[in-house]
Amino acid sequence: MFSKANRMLDKVNPVMILAASLLFPLFSSHLLAGPDDLDGRLLPADDDIEGWVKDGETLSYEADDLWEYINGSAERFLEYDFERVLAQHYLDPAGEEIKVEIYAHRSPLEAFGIYSRFRSPDSEAYDIGNEAFGDGYTIHFWKGRFYVRVSAYEENYGLITVFARLIAEKIDESGSVPREVGLFDLGGPAGSKSISYVSKGVLGSGALPPAFVAEYDIEGDPGRIFLFSLKDAEGSSRILDWFRETGSKFQMTEGDRPGAVRAEGELPYRGRVIFFSYGRMTGIITGFKNNPEAADDLGIRMLDKVITFAEGKDS
């Protein structure tokens, strides 16, 4: 028996053996390291949801090879301190398929940030994790430092919601919506349509730090508020210097409180812009071309809220 086996091995092309040995690490490197991996336990196990089992191995990608998984979107994830993604397909006896993706980021703020970039202004929020949105085909949510996406190939909102809630329960990190988000709640006609956290390219500039961005629409006149939560007041001064150097028609206006700064001017391609800051908090308002009074009013109200926030009176 052994001599027969040896004769068969003698006929194997050595080049084929070498090729297989080189290719195996390429494929196996994207499989989950093992069943005891902490992140792996966030995935639903076989029959956690009755009748649903894993289809194939769990795939795992990190920052240096994420482009192999999502070539077109990898750069966006990397901007938010992406660490790792797990991807797993599931099947039920009828052949229906679900796909689960769990993206781990360095901090809850980064997870909120990437989640917010996928959410559209008209999306309806759901109570899953810290926040969720979706439709009959896909549910997106974030919790702790994880951004999660559950997708169905045929419309089935109830099913993907069950998967999403189960994963959210498995994530023992809580996290919370960034406190800065509450500053945009101005009420009335100035209610924000969408709030996101932009890590790079704020206002089309590579010189500005990350910012929270709220979109507004007042009587059909759109505008945005960019809010920078910085380490110290020097960061606010640097943004003011950038505003002076980049813009035109710059003029300062007195703030109502010592230390409060208000200014206005024009930026290329954006028209009139309002600047406000207090301590480590800085904001820039753009848009509202047909309603400059609305921009002025938002600037005053936001500055009042920023002062309260910076002085720690909002907690």
Protein backbone atom coordinates (compact mmCIF):
# COMPACT_ATOMS: atom_id res chain seq x y z
CA MET A 1 0.00 0.00 0.00
CA PHE A 2 2.78 2.39 0.93
CA SER A 3 4.75 1.62 -2.24
CA LYS A 4 1.67 2.49 -4.32
CA ALA A 5 1.29 5.76 -2.49
CA ASN A 6 4.94 6.55 -2.98
CA ARG A 7 4.64 5.91 -6.74
CA MET A 8 1.70 8.36 -6.85
CA LEU A 9 3.73 11.01 -5.04
CA ASP A 10 6.61 10.49 -7.46
CA LYS A 11 4.29 11.58 -10.27
CA VAL A 12 3.33 14.87 -8.59
CA ASN A 13 4.91 17.84 -10.29
CA PRO A 14 7.29 19.55 -7.81
CA VAL A 15 6.29 22.92 -9.27
CA MET A 16 2.67 22.23 -8.30
CA ILE A 17 3.73 21.43 -4.73
CA LEU A 18 5.75 24.65 -4.52
CA ALA A 19 2.85 26.70 -5.91
CA ALA A 20 0.41 25.18 -3.43
CA SER A 21 2.76 25.88 -0.52
CA LEU A 22 3.01 29.51 -1.58
CA LEU A 23 -0.68 30.02 -2.18
CA PHE A 24 -1.98 28.38 1.00
CA PRO A 25 -0.75 31.15 3.34
CA LEU A 26 -2.29 33.72 0.99
CA PHE A 27 -5.76 32.23 1.47
CA SER A 28 -5.41 31.02 5.07
CA SER A 29 -4.17 34.41 6.29
CA HIS A 30 -7.70 35.77 5.83
CA LEU A 31 -9.35 33.07 7.96
CA LEU A 32 -10.20 33.73 11.59
CA ALA A 33 -7.27 32.80 13.80
CA GLY A 34 -9.28 30.44 15.98
CA PRO A 35 -12.58 29.82 17.78
CA ASP A 36 -11.28 31.42 20.98
CA ASP A 37 -10.61 34.75 19.30
CA LEU A 38 -12.54 37.44 21.23
CA ASP A 39 -13.93 39.19 18.17
CA GLY A 40 -14.94 35.85 16.70
CA ARG A 41 -17.32 35.34 19.59
CA LEU A 42 -19.23 38.41 18.46
CA LEU A 43 -20.47 36.45 15.45
CA PRO A 44 -23.67 34.38 15.79
CA ALA A 45 -22.86 30.69 16.26
CA ASP A 46 -24.64 27.91 14.38
CA ASP A 47 -28.30 27.80 15.43
CA ASP A 48 -28.04 30.87 17.66
CA ILE A 49 -30.85 31.82 15.32
CA GLU A 50 -32.80 28.64 14.70
CA GLY A 51 -31.93 26.99 11.39
CA TRP A 52 -29.14 29.41 10.50
CA VAL A 53 -25.56 28.11 10.23
CA LYS A 54 -22.28 29.52 9.04
CA ASP A 55 -21.51 29.02 5.37
CA GLY A 56 -17.75 28.79 4.86
CA GLU A 57 -14.93 30.12 6.98
CA THR A 58 -14.88 33.45 8.77
CA LEU A 59 -12.78 35.94 6.82
CA SER A 60 -10.57 38.44 8.63
CA TYR A 61 -8.77 41.48 7.23
CA GLU A 62 -6.62 44.11 8.90
CA ALA A 63 -5.44 47.56 7.89
CA ASP A 64 -2.61 46.39 5.65
CA ASP A 65 -4.80 44.15 3.48
CA LEU A 66 -8.28 45.67 3.78
CA TRP A 67 -8.10 46.72 0.13
CA GLU A 68 -8.32 43.04 -0.83
CA TYR A 69 -11.78 42.92 0.73
CA ILE A 70 -13.26 46.34 -0.05
CA ASN A 71 -10.93 47.95 -2.54
CA GLY A 72 -13.16 50.90 -3.33
CA SER A 73 -13.97 51.80 0.28
CA ALA A 74 -10.82 50.77 2.13
CA GLU A 75 -9.41 54.30 2.32
CA ARG A 76 -12.55 55.62 4.01
CA PHE A 77 -12.34 52.96 6.74
CA LEU A 78 -8.62 53.55 7.28
CA GLU A 79 -9.34 57.23 7.95
CA TYR A 80 -11.20 56.11 11.08
CA ASP A 81 -8.42 54.10 12.76
CA PHE A 82 -9.70 50.80 11.38
CA GLU A 83 -8.15 47.73 13.01
CA ARG A 84 -9.90 44.62 11.72
CA VAL A 85 -13.02 43.29 9.99
CA LEU A 86 -14.67 39.89 10.31
CA ALA A 87 -17.00 38.74 7.52
CA GLN A 88 -19.25 35.69 7.69
CA HIS A 89 -22.01 34.26 5.48
CA TYR A 90 -24.96 32.33 6.92
CA LEU A 91 -27.45 29.95 5.29
CA ASP A 92 -30.79 28.51 6.37
CA PRO A 93 -32.31 25.20 5.15
CA ALA A 94 -34.23 27.04 2.42
CA GLY A 95 -31.01 28.44 0.98
CA GLU A 96 -31.62 32.02 2.09
CA GLU A 97 -28.39 33.89 2.78
CA ILE A 98 -27.28 36.55 5.28
CA LYS A 99 -23.94 38.33 5.42
CA VAL A 100 -22.48 39.78 8.63
CA GLU A 101 -19.57 42.22 8.74
CA ILE A 102 -18.07 43.48 12.01
CA TYR A 103 -15.55 46.31 11.73
CA ALA A 104 -13.36 47.05 14.76
CA HIS A 105 -11.97 50.56 15.19
CA ARG A 106 -9.63 52.01 17.77
CA SER A 107 -12.27 53.95 19.69
CA PRO A 108 -16.05 54.45 19.90
CA LEU A 109 -15.63 57.90 18.33
CA GLU A 110 -14.07 56.33 15.23
CA ALA A 111 -16.82 53.70 15.05
CA PHE A 112 -19.44 56.44 15.28
CA GLY A 113 -17.55 58.33 12.59
CA ILE A 114 -17.54 55.58 9.97
CA TYR A 115 -21.16 54.72 10.79
CA SER A 116 -22.17 58.36 10.35
CA ARG A 117 -20.54 58.53 6.92
CA PHE A 118 -22.84 55.78 5.61
CA ARG A 119 -26.01 57.24 7.11
CA SER A 120 -28.02 59.48 4.79
CA PRO A 121 -29.90 62.55 6.08
CA ASP A 122 -33.26 60.88 5.46
CA SER A 123 -32.41 57.59 7.20
CA GLU A 124 -34.66 56.44 10.01
CA ALA A 125 -32.87 55.59 13.26
CA TYR A 126 -33.49 52.29 15.08
CA ASP A 127 -32.81 51.22 18.65
CA ILE A 128 -30.02 48.71 18.07
CA GLY A 129 -26.61 49.19 19.68
CA ASN A 130 -25.84 52.87 20.16
CA GLU A 131 -27.76 53.69 16.99
CA ALA A 132 -28.86 51.93 13.82
CA PHE A 133 -30.43 52.65 10.45
CA GLY A 134 -31.36 50.57 7.45
CA ASP A 135 -33.96 49.14 5.12
CA GLY A 136 -35.26 45.71 4.16
CA TYR A 137 -31.89 44.62 2.79
CA THR A 138 -29.27 46.07 5.16
CA ILE A 139 -29.02 47.14 8.79
CA HIS A 140 -26.11 49.33 9.91
CA PHE A 141 -25.36 49.95 13.58
CA TRP A 142 -22.51 50.91 15.86
CA LYS A 143 -21.80 49.96 19.45
CA GLY A 144 -18.65 50.60 21.43
CA ARG A 145 -15.77 50.57 18.96
CA PHE A 146 -17.58 48.39 16.42
CA TYR A 147 -19.43 49.27 13.24
CA VAL A 148 -21.63 46.39 12.08
CA ARG A 149 -23.43 45.72 8.81
CA VAL A 150 -25.95 42.88 8.31
CA SER A 151 -27.15 42.28 4.74
CA ALA A 152 -29.74 40.07 3.06
CA TYR A 153 -29.83 39.19 -0.61
CA GLU A 154 -33.62 39.18 -0.59
CA GLU A 155 -35.64 41.77 1.31
CA ASN A 156 -36.22 40.62 4.90
CA TYR A 157 -36.10 43.44 7.45
CA GLY A 158 -37.31 41.26 10.32
CA LEU A 159 -34.57 38.68 9.85
CA ILE A 160 -31.64 41.06 9.52
CA THR A 161 -32.92 42.90 12.59
CA VAL A 162 -32.80 39.64 14.57
CA PHE A 163 -29.18 39.11 13.50
CA ALA A 164 -28.27 42.71 14.32
CA ARG A 165 -29.82 42.62 17.80
CA LEU A 166 -28.06 39.35 18.61
CA ILE A 167 -24.67 40.78 17.62
CA ALA A 168 -25.34 43.97 19.60
CA GLU A 169 -26.06 41.84 22.68
CA LYS A 170 -22.75 40.02 22.23
CA ILE A 171 -20.78 43.30 22.20
CA ASP A 172 -20.07 44.04 25.85
CA GLU A 173 -18.65 47.50 25.14
CA SER A 174 -21.26 50.19 25.55
CA GLY A 175 -19.81 53.43 24.22
CA SER A 176 -22.04 56.45 23.92
CA VAL A 177 -23.02 59.07 21.38
CA PRO A 178 -20.35 61.82 21.51
CA ARG A 179 -21.44 64.65 23.79
CA GLU A 180 -20.72 67.17 21.05
CA VAL A 181 -23.64 65.80 19.02
CA GLY A 182 -26.07 67.30 21.53
CA LEU A 183 -24.82 70.79 20.71
CA PHE A 184 -26.50 70.63 17.32
CA ASP A 185 -29.97 70.20 18.81
CA LEU A 186 -31.18 73.75 18.26
CA GLY A 187 -34.86 72.88 17.87
CA GLY A 188 -37.51 74.59 15.77
CA PRO A 189 -36.86 75.16 12.07
CA ALA A 190 -33.11 74.75 12.69
CA GLY A 191 -33.34 71.05 13.45
CA SER A 192 -30.38 69.17 12.01
CA LYS A 193 -31.08 66.63 9.27
CA SER A 194 -27.86 64.68 9.75
CA ILE A 195 -24.78 64.70 12.00
CA SER A 196 -21.53 63.03 11.03
CA TYR A 197 -17.92 62.93 12.19
CA VAL A 198 -15.45 63.71 9.39
CA SER A 199 -11.86 62.71 10.07
CA LYS A 200 -10.11 64.14 7.00
CA GLY A 201 -10.67 66.73 4.29
CA VAL A 202 -12.89 68.99 6.37
CA LEU A 203 -14.03 71.92 4.22
CA GLY A 204 -11.91 70.44 1.44
CA SER A 205 -8.70 71.18 3.34
CA GLY A 206 -6.00 68.83 4.57
CA ALA A 207 -4.95 71.45 7.12
CA LEU A 208 -8.01 71.21 9.34
CA PRO A 209 -8.52 68.65 12.14
CA PRO A 210 -11.51 66.26 12.35
CA ALA A 211 -14.91 67.86 12.88
CA PHE A 212 -18.51 67.04 13.63
CA VAL A 213 -20.68 68.19 10.73
CA ALA A 214 -24.41 68.91 10.92
CA GLU A 215 -26.55 69.51 7.84
CA TYR A 216 -29.51 71.87 8.05
CA ASP A 217 -32.27 72.99 5.74
CA ILE A 218 -34.18 76.13 6.72
CA GLU A 219 -37.07 76.84 4.38
CA GLY A 220 -35.30 75.12 1.51
CA ASP A 221 -32.00 76.90 2.14
CA PRO A 222 -29.29 74.33 3.04
CA GLY A 223 -26.32 74.96 5.25
CA ARG A 224 -23.79 73.22 7.47
CA ILE A 225 -22.17 73.69 10.84
CA PHE A 226 -18.64 72.31 11.31
CA LEU A 227 -17.72 71.87 14.97
CA PHE A 228 -14.15 71.22 16.11
CA SER A 229 -13.62 69.76 19.58
CA LEU A 230 -9.93 70.40 20.18
CA LYS A 231 -7.35 69.63 22.84
CA ASP A 232 -6.82 73.25 23.83
CA ALA A 233 -7.44 76.88 22.88
CA GLU A 234 -4.30 76.92 20.74
CA GLY A 235 -6.09 74.58 18.35
CA SER A 236 -8.88 77.14 17.99
CA SER A 237 -6.31 79.87 17.29
CA ARG A 238 -4.76 77.77 14.52
CA ILE A 239 -8.14 77.34 12.83
CA LEU A 240 -8.77 81.09 13.09
CA ASP A 241 -5.36 81.72 11.48
CA TRP A 242 -6.28 79.29 8.69
CA PHE A 243 -9.55 81.19 8.19
CA ARG A 244 -7.68 84.50 7.92
CA GLU A 245 -5.13 83.12 5.46
CA THR A 246 -7.52 81.11 3.28
CA GLY A 247 -10.51 83.42 3.20
CA SER A 248 -11.22 86.97 2.17
CA LYS A 249 -13.23 89.92 3.48
CA PHE A 250 -12.35 88.74 6.98
CA GLN A 251 -13.64 90.77 9.90
CA MET A 252 -13.88 90.14 13.62
CA THR A 253 -17.01 90.81 15.64
CA GLU A 254 -17.04 91.03 19.39
CA GLY A 255 -18.24 88.06 21.37
CA ASP A 256 -20.71 88.46 24.20
CA ARG A 257 -18.35 86.80 26.71
CA PRO A 258 -14.65 87.31 27.51
CA GLY A 259 -12.72 84.76 25.48
CA ALA A 260 -15.51 84.30 22.95
CA VAL A 261 -14.54 84.97 19.34
CA ARG A 262 -16.82 85.69 16.39
CA ALA A 263 -15.79 86.48 12.85
CA GLU A 264 -17.05 86.31 9.31
CA GLY A 265 -15.59 86.28 5.84
CA GLU A 266 -15.67 84.36 2.57
CA LEU A 267 -14.05 81.08 1.59
CA PRO A 268 -13.39 79.94 -1.99
CA TYR A 269 -16.34 78.01 -3.45
CA ARG A 270 -18.34 78.46 -0.22
CA GLY A 271 -19.21 82.11 -0.08
CA ARG A 272 -19.97 83.79 3.23
CA VAL A 273 -18.79 81.87 6.29
CA ILE A 274 -19.25 82.51 9.99
CA PHE A 275 -16.57 81.58 12.54
CA PHE A 276 -17.06 81.25 16.31
CA SER A 277 -14.94 79.84 19.12
CA TYR A 278 -14.57 79.64 22.86
CA GLY A 279 -11.66 77.91 24.52
CA ARG A 280 -11.00 74.59 22.79
CA MET A 281 -14.31 74.60 20.85
CA THR A 282 -14.54 76.13 17.38
CA GLY A 283 -17.29 76.23 14.78
CA ILE A 284 -17.67 77.30 11.16
CA ILE A 285 -21.03 77.85 9.45
CA THR A 286 -21.40 77.64 5.67
CA GLY A 287 -24.35 77.89 3.30
CA PHE A 288 -27.70 79.61 3.87
CA LYS A 289 -26.97 81.79 0.84
CA ASN A 290 -30.55 83.05 0.65
CA ASN A 291 -30.95 83.52 4.37
CA PRO A 292 -27.82 85.04 5.95
CA GLU A 293 -29.84 86.08 8.99
CA ALA A 294 -30.42 82.40 9.75
CA ALA A 295 -26.67 81.78 9.66
CA ASP A 296 -26.11 84.71 12.03
CA ASP A 297 -28.74 83.37 14.41
CA LEU A 298 -27.26 79.87 14.35
CA GLY A 299 -23.83 81.31 15.06
CA ILE A 300 -25.08 83.15 18.15
CA ARG A 301 -26.99 80.16 19.47
CA MET A 302 -24.18 77.71 18.80
CA LEU A 303 -21.65 79.96 20.52
CA ASP A 304 -23.87 80.10 23.62
CA LYS A 305 -24.06 76.29 23.66
CA VAL A 306 -20.31 75.94 23.06
CA ILE A 307 -19.55 78.22 26.02
CA THR A 308 -21.75 76.12 28.27
CA PHE A 309 -20.16 72.94 26.95
CA ALA A 310 -16.57 74.19 27.31
CA GLU A 311 -17.21 75.29 30.88
CA GLY A 312 -18.57 71.84 31.71
CA LYS A 313 -22.04 73.09 32.64
CA ASP A 314 -23.82 70.71 30.28
CA SER A 315 -23.06 67.58 32.27
